[in-house]
N, C-alpha and C. Protein backbone atom coordinates (compact mmCIF):
# COMPACT_ATOMS: atom_id res chain seq x y z
N UNK A 1 -18.72 -25.82 -9.63
CA UNK A 1 -17.51 -25.22 -10.17
C UNK A 1 -17.81 -23.83 -10.76
N UNK A 2 -18.92 -23.73 -11.47
CA UNK A 2 -19.27 -22.43 -12.06
C UNK A 2 -19.61 -21.40 -10.99
N UNK A 3 -20.20 -21.86 -9.88
CA UNK A 3 -20.52 -20.94 -8.80
C UNK A 3 -19.23 -20.35 -8.21
N UNK A 4 -18.23 -21.18 -8.03
CA UNK A 4 -16.95 -20.73 -7.51
C UNK A 4 -16.29 -19.76 -8.49
N UNK A 5 -16.38 -20.07 -9.77
CA UNK A 5 -15.80 -19.19 -10.79
C UNK A 5 -16.44 -17.81 -10.74
N UNK A 6 -17.74 -17.77 -10.58
CA UNK A 6 -18.45 -16.49 -10.50
C UNK A 6 -18.01 -15.67 -9.31
N UNK A 7 -17.85 -16.33 -8.17
CA UNK A 7 -17.39 -15.62 -6.97
C UNK A 7 -15.97 -15.08 -7.15
N UNK A 8 -15.12 -15.89 -7.75
CA UNK A 8 -13.74 -15.45 -7.98
C UNK A 8 -13.68 -14.29 -8.96
N UNK A 9 -14.52 -14.33 -10.00
CA UNK A 9 -14.55 -13.23 -10.97
C UNK A 9 -15.02 -11.95 -10.29
N UNK A 10 -16.02 -12.06 -9.44
CA UNK A 10 -16.54 -10.90 -8.72
C UNK A 10 -15.49 -10.32 -7.78
N UNK A 11 -14.82 -11.19 -7.05
CA UNK A 11 -13.77 -10.74 -6.13
C UNK A 11 -12.62 -10.12 -6.91
N UNK A 12 -12.28 -10.71 -8.03
CA UNK A 12 -11.20 -10.17 -8.86
C UNK A 12 -11.50 -8.78 -9.36
N UNK A 13 -12.74 -8.55 -9.75
CA UNK A 13 -13.12 -7.22 -10.23
C UNK A 13 -12.99 -6.19 -9.11
N UNK A 14 -13.48 -6.54 -7.92
CA UNK A 14 -13.38 -5.61 -6.79
C UNK A 14 -11.94 -5.34 -6.39
N UNK A 15 -11.12 -6.37 -6.40
CA UNK A 15 -9.71 -6.20 -6.03
C UNK A 15 -8.96 -5.38 -7.07
N UNK A 16 -9.32 -5.55 -8.34
CA UNK A 16 -8.67 -4.78 -9.40
C UNK A 16 -9.00 -3.29 -9.24
N UNK A 17 -10.25 -2.99 -8.90
CA UNK A 17 -10.65 -1.61 -8.66
C UNK A 17 -9.91 -1.02 -7.46
N UNK A 18 -9.80 -1.80 -6.39
CA UNK A 18 -9.10 -1.34 -5.19
C UNK A 18 -7.62 -1.11 -5.48
N UNK A 19 -7.01 -2.00 -6.26
CA UNK A 19 -5.60 -1.85 -6.61
C UNK A 19 -5.38 -0.60 -7.46
N UNK A 20 -6.28 -0.34 -8.38
CA UNK A 20 -6.19 0.87 -9.20
C UNK A 20 -6.28 2.13 -8.35
N UNK A 21 -7.22 2.15 -7.41
CA UNK A 21 -7.37 3.30 -6.53
C UNK A 21 -6.12 3.49 -5.66
N UNK A 22 -5.56 2.39 -5.18
CA UNK A 22 -4.34 2.47 -4.37
C UNK A 22 -3.18 3.03 -5.18
N UNK A 23 -3.04 2.58 -6.43
CA UNK A 23 -1.95 3.07 -7.27
C UNK A 23 -2.11 4.56 -7.59
N UNK A 24 -3.34 5.00 -7.81
CA UNK A 24 -3.58 6.43 -8.05
C UNK A 24 -3.23 7.23 -6.81
N UNK A 25 -3.63 6.74 -5.64
CA UNK A 25 -3.33 7.45 -4.38
C UNK A 25 -1.82 7.53 -4.14
N UNK A 26 -1.11 6.45 -4.38
CA UNK A 26 0.35 6.46 -4.20
C UNK A 26 1.00 7.40 -5.21
N UNK A 27 0.53 7.38 -6.44
CA UNK A 27 1.08 8.28 -7.45
C UNK A 27 0.88 9.74 -7.08
N UNK A 28 -0.30 10.08 -6.60
CA UNK A 28 -0.56 11.45 -6.17
C UNK A 28 0.31 11.83 -4.97
N UNK A 29 0.52 10.89 -4.06
CA UNK A 29 1.37 11.17 -2.90
C UNK A 29 2.81 11.45 -3.34
N UNK A 30 3.29 10.70 -4.32
CA UNK A 30 4.66 10.91 -4.81
C UNK A 30 4.76 12.25 -5.52
N UNK A 31 3.78 12.58 -6.35
CA UNK A 31 3.82 13.83 -7.11
C UNK A 31 3.77 15.04 -6.18
N UNK A 32 2.94 14.97 -5.14
CA UNK A 32 2.79 16.11 -4.24
C UNK A 32 3.85 16.16 -3.14
N UNK A 33 4.62 15.08 -2.98
CA UNK A 33 5.63 15.04 -1.93
C UNK A 33 5.09 14.57 -0.59
N UNK A 34 3.83 14.18 -0.55
CA UNK A 34 3.24 13.72 0.71
C UNK A 34 3.87 12.42 1.19
N UNK A 35 4.45 11.66 0.26
CA UNK A 35 5.07 10.39 0.66
C UNK A 35 6.23 10.63 1.62
N UNK A 36 6.95 11.72 1.44
CA UNK A 36 8.08 12.03 2.34
C UNK A 36 7.57 12.36 3.74
N UNK A 37 6.46 13.09 3.81
CA UNK A 37 5.89 13.43 5.11
C UNK A 37 5.37 12.18 5.82
N UNK A 38 4.74 11.29 5.07
CA UNK A 38 4.24 10.04 5.64
C UNK A 38 5.41 9.19 6.12
N UNK A 39 6.47 9.13 5.32
CA UNK A 39 7.65 8.36 5.71
C UNK A 39 8.26 8.91 7.00
N UNK A 40 8.39 10.22 7.09
CA UNK A 40 8.96 10.84 8.29
C UNK A 40 8.09 10.55 9.51
N UNK A 41 6.77 10.63 9.34
CA UNK A 41 5.85 10.34 10.43
C UNK A 41 5.99 8.90 10.90
N UNK A 42 6.10 7.97 9.97
CA UNK A 42 6.25 6.56 10.32
C UNK A 42 7.58 6.29 11.02
N UNK A 43 8.65 6.93 10.54
CA UNK A 43 9.96 6.72 11.15
C UNK A 43 9.99 7.25 12.58
N UNK A 44 9.35 8.40 12.82
CA UNK A 44 9.30 8.96 14.17
C UNK A 44 8.59 8.04 15.14
N UNK A 45 7.60 7.32 14.66
CA UNK A 45 6.78 6.49 15.53
C UNK A 45 7.20 5.02 15.57
N UNK A 46 8.17 4.65 14.76
CA UNK A 46 8.61 3.25 14.75
C UNK A 46 9.58 3.02 15.91
N UNK A 47 9.63 1.80 16.40
CA UNK A 47 10.57 1.50 17.49
C UNK A 47 12.02 1.61 17.01
N UNK A 48 12.89 1.98 17.92
CA UNK A 48 14.30 2.19 17.58
C UNK A 48 14.93 0.93 17.02
N UNK A 49 14.59 -0.25 17.56
CA UNK A 49 15.19 -1.50 17.08
C UNK A 49 14.84 -1.74 15.62
N UNK A 50 13.65 -1.32 15.20
CA UNK A 50 13.26 -1.52 13.81
C UNK A 50 14.06 -0.60 12.89
N UNK A 51 14.30 0.62 13.32
CA UNK A 51 15.12 1.54 12.54
C UNK A 51 16.54 1.02 12.43
N UNK A 52 17.10 0.54 13.53
CA UNK A 52 18.46 -0.03 13.49
C UNK A 52 18.52 -1.23 12.56
N UNK A 53 17.51 -2.09 12.63
CA UNK A 53 17.49 -3.29 11.80
C UNK A 53 17.43 -2.94 10.32
N UNK A 54 16.58 -2.01 9.95
CA UNK A 54 16.41 -1.69 8.53
C UNK A 54 17.57 -0.88 7.97
N UNK A 55 18.28 -0.13 8.79
CA UNK A 55 19.39 0.66 8.27
C UNK A 55 20.73 -0.07 8.35
N UNK A 56 20.79 -1.17 9.08
CA UNK A 56 22.06 -1.89 9.22
C UNK A 56 22.28 -2.90 8.11
N UNK A 57 21.27 -3.22 7.37
CA UNK A 57 21.38 -4.26 6.33
C UNK A 57 21.96 -3.68 5.06
């Protein structure tokens, strides 16, 4: 049981660090306006049915 706890604690620490880095990256993208460019790029490359589905709801 203690071995499993140690592995979970280790994984939790790594995931917390990754989540923090992801939040910083998203925050910087929003501040710089890069999120709009990424969104436009994704919309251009998404299938038409997906765009219709997400905008019709």
